[in-house]
Amino acid sequence: MPHLIILILVITADQAPPKSKAEMEALADLPRVEAHSLPGTLGLYEEFAPDVAASILPFLTRSQ
């Protein structure tokens, strides 16, 4: 049976609570995971939406 390779993007928040940040960083250490760190808290997708989009769009383009 063929293997399916899935790439994953994790965007971490610089000012996330320590436990949440540690969990996100643990995900980022897994194989085939690309990680980006952006300013903000857990709501960084609301606070810095253009920066989040700037991280996601190139990842999606490469993943096709």
N, C-alpha and C. Protein backbone atom coordinates (compact mmCIF):
# COMPACT_ATOMS: atom_id res chain seq x y z
N MET A 1 0.85 -1.18 0.00
CA MET A 1 0.00 0.00 0.00
C MET A 1 0.90 1.25 0.00
N PRO A 2 0.64 2.21 -0.86
CA PRO A 2 1.48 3.41 -0.93
C PRO A 2 1.32 4.28 0.33
N HIS A 3 2.39 4.98 0.62
CA HIS A 3 2.37 5.89 1.77
C HIS A 3 1.92 7.27 1.33
N LEU A 4 1.22 7.92 2.19
CA LEU A 4 0.77 9.29 1.95
C LEU A 4 1.63 10.22 2.79
N ILE A 5 2.30 11.16 2.15
CA ILE A 5 3.13 12.13 2.86
C ILE A 5 2.36 13.43 2.96
N ILE A 6 2.14 13.87 4.17
CA ILE A 6 1.40 15.10 4.41
C ILE A 6 2.32 16.11 5.08
N LEU A 7 2.41 17.29 4.50
CA LEU A 7 3.19 18.36 5.11
C LEU A 7 2.28 19.17 6.03
N ILE A 8 2.83 19.62 7.13
CA ILE A 8 2.05 20.35 8.13
C ILE A 8 2.71 21.69 8.41
N LEU A 9 1.91 22.72 8.52
CA LEU A 9 2.40 24.04 8.89
C LEU A 9 1.90 24.35 10.30
N VAL A 10 2.81 24.73 11.18
CA VAL A 10 2.46 25.15 12.53
C VAL A 10 2.90 26.60 12.68
N ILE A 11 1.97 27.44 13.07
CA ILE A 11 2.29 28.85 13.32
C ILE A 11 2.19 29.07 14.82
N THR A 12 3.31 29.42 15.43
CA THR A 12 3.34 29.63 16.87
C THR A 12 3.28 31.12 17.19
N ALA A 13 2.72 31.42 18.35
CA ALA A 13 2.59 32.81 18.81
C ALA A 13 3.71 33.10 19.81
N ASP A 14 4.46 34.16 19.56
CA ASP A 14 5.58 34.52 20.44
C ASP A 14 5.15 34.74 21.88
N GLN A 15 3.99 35.35 22.09
CA GLN A 15 3.54 35.67 23.44
C GLN A 15 2.46 34.70 23.94
N ALA A 16 2.44 33.49 23.43
CA ALA A 16 1.47 32.49 23.89
C ALA A 16 1.80 32.10 25.33
N PRO A 17 0.80 31.67 26.09
CA PRO A 17 1.08 31.17 27.44
C PRO A 17 2.11 30.03 27.37
N PRO A 18 2.95 29.91 28.39
CA PRO A 18 4.05 28.94 28.33
C PRO A 18 3.63 27.51 27.98
N LYS A 19 2.56 27.00 28.56
CA LYS A 19 2.14 25.63 28.26
C LYS A 19 1.70 25.48 26.81
N SER A 20 0.92 26.43 26.33
CA SER A 20 0.46 26.40 24.94
C SER A 20 1.65 26.51 23.99
N LYS A 21 2.57 27.40 24.29
CA LYS A 21 3.74 27.58 23.43
C LYS A 21 4.58 26.30 23.40
N ALA A 22 4.73 25.65 24.54
CA ALA A 22 5.49 24.41 24.59
C ALA A 22 4.83 23.33 23.73
N GLU A 23 3.51 23.26 23.76
CA GLU A 23 2.79 22.28 22.94
C GLU A 23 2.97 22.58 21.45
N MET A 24 2.90 23.85 21.08
CA MET A 24 3.08 24.22 19.67
C MET A 24 4.51 23.93 19.22
N GLU A 25 5.48 24.20 20.09
CA GLU A 25 6.88 23.93 19.74
C GLU A 25 7.14 22.44 19.63
N ALA A 26 6.46 21.63 20.44
CA ALA A 26 6.60 20.17 20.33
C ALA A 26 6.08 19.69 18.99
N LEU A 27 4.97 20.25 18.53
CA LEU A 27 4.45 19.91 17.20
C LEU A 27 5.46 20.29 16.12
N ALA A 28 6.06 21.45 16.28
CA ALA A 28 7.00 21.96 15.28
C ALA A 28 8.24 21.08 15.16
N ASP A 29 8.55 20.30 16.18
CA ASP A 29 9.72 19.42 16.16
C ASP A 29 9.47 18.09 15.45
N LEU A 30 8.24 17.81 15.08
CA LEU A 30 7.91 16.55 14.41
C LEU A 30 8.39 16.56 12.96
N PRO A 31 8.61 15.38 12.39
CA PRO A 31 9.02 15.31 10.97
C PRO A 31 7.95 15.89 10.04
N ARG A 32 8.40 16.46 8.96
CA ARG A 32 7.54 17.02 7.91
C ARG A 32 6.66 18.16 8.41
N VAL A 33 7.12 18.85 9.45
CA VAL A 33 6.39 20.00 9.98
C VAL A 33 7.23 21.25 9.75
N GLU A 34 6.62 22.22 9.11
CA GLU A 34 7.25 23.52 8.91
C GLU A 34 6.68 24.46 9.96
N ALA A 35 7.55 25.20 10.64
CA ALA A 35 7.08 26.07 11.72
C ALA A 35 7.43 27.53 11.43
N HIS A 36 6.48 28.38 11.75
CA HIS A 36 6.68 29.83 11.66
C HIS A 36 6.29 30.41 13.02
N SER A 37 7.07 31.34 13.48
CA SER A 37 6.76 32.02 14.73
C SER A 37 6.39 33.47 14.41
N LEU A 38 5.26 33.91 14.92
CA LEU A 38 4.78 35.25 14.66
C LEU A 38 4.52 35.98 15.97
N PRO A 39 4.53 37.30 15.94
CA PRO A 39 4.21 38.05 17.15
C PRO A 39 2.74 37.84 17.51
N GLY A 40 2.45 38.00 18.78
CA GLY A 40 1.06 37.92 19.20
C GLY A 40 0.82 36.84 20.23
N THR A 41 -0.45 36.68 20.57
CA THR A 41 -0.89 35.71 21.56
C THR A 41 -1.63 34.58 20.85
N LEU A 42 -2.42 33.82 21.58
CA LEU A 42 -3.16 32.73 20.95
C LEU A 42 -4.16 33.22 19.91
N GLY A 43 -4.54 34.48 19.98
CA GLY A 43 -5.44 35.06 18.99
C GLY A 43 -4.70 35.75 17.87
N LEU A 44 -3.48 35.29 17.57
CA LEU A 44 -2.66 35.99 16.58
C LEU A 44 -3.32 36.03 15.20
N TYR A 45 -4.17 35.06 14.90
CA TYR A 45 -4.85 35.07 13.60
C TYR A 45 -5.81 36.26 13.50
N GLU A 46 -6.26 36.80 14.63
CA GLU A 46 -7.08 38.01 14.63
C GLU A 46 -6.21 39.26 14.72
N GLU A 47 -5.17 39.19 15.56
CA GLU A 47 -4.30 40.34 15.78
C GLU A 47 -3.41 40.65 14.58
N PHE A 48 -2.92 39.60 13.93
CA PHE A 48 -1.95 39.76 12.85
C PHE A 48 -2.37 38.95 11.62
N ALA A 49 -3.61 39.10 11.21
CA ALA A 49 -4.14 38.32 10.09
C ALA A 49 -3.27 38.41 8.83
N PRO A 50 -2.80 39.60 8.43
CA PRO A 50 -1.96 39.65 7.22
C PRO A 50 -0.67 38.84 7.36
N ASP A 51 -0.07 38.84 8.56
CA ASP A 51 1.15 38.06 8.78
C ASP A 51 0.87 36.56 8.73
N VAL A 52 -0.26 36.16 9.28
CA VAL A 52 -0.65 34.75 9.23
C VAL A 52 -0.87 34.33 7.78
N ALA A 53 -1.57 35.14 7.03
CA ALA A 53 -1.80 34.84 5.61
C ALA A 53 -0.48 34.77 4.84
N ALA A 54 0.44 35.66 5.17
CA ALA A 54 1.74 35.66 4.49
C ALA A 54 2.53 34.39 4.78
N SER A 55 2.28 33.76 5.91
CA SER A 55 2.92 32.48 6.22
C SER A 55 2.21 31.31 5.56
N ILE A 56 0.90 31.37 5.50
CA ILE A 56 0.12 30.26 4.98
C ILE A 56 0.18 30.16 3.45
N LEU A 57 0.05 31.27 2.76
CA LEU A 57 -0.05 31.22 1.29
C LEU A 57 1.14 30.56 0.61
N PRO A 58 2.38 30.90 0.94
CA PRO A 58 3.50 30.20 0.29
C PRO A 58 3.53 28.70 0.62
N PHE A 59 3.15 28.35 1.83
CA PHE A 59 3.11 26.93 2.22
C PHE A 59 2.10 26.18 1.34
N LEU A 60 0.93 26.77 1.15
CA LEU A 60 -0.08 26.12 0.32
C LEU A 60 0.36 26.02 -1.12
N THR A 61 1.05 27.01 -1.61
CA THR A 61 1.54 27.00 -2.99
C THR A 61 2.56 25.88 -3.20
N ARG A 62 3.46 25.71 -2.23
CA ARG A 62 4.48 24.65 -2.33
C ARG A 62 3.88 23.28 -2.14
N SER A 63 2.80 23.18 -1.41
CA SER A 63 2.22 21.88 -1.05
C SER A 63 1.35 21.28 -2.14
N GLN A 64 1.10 21.99 -3.19
CA GLN A 64 0.21 21.48 -4.25
C GLN A 64 0.94 20.57 -5.20
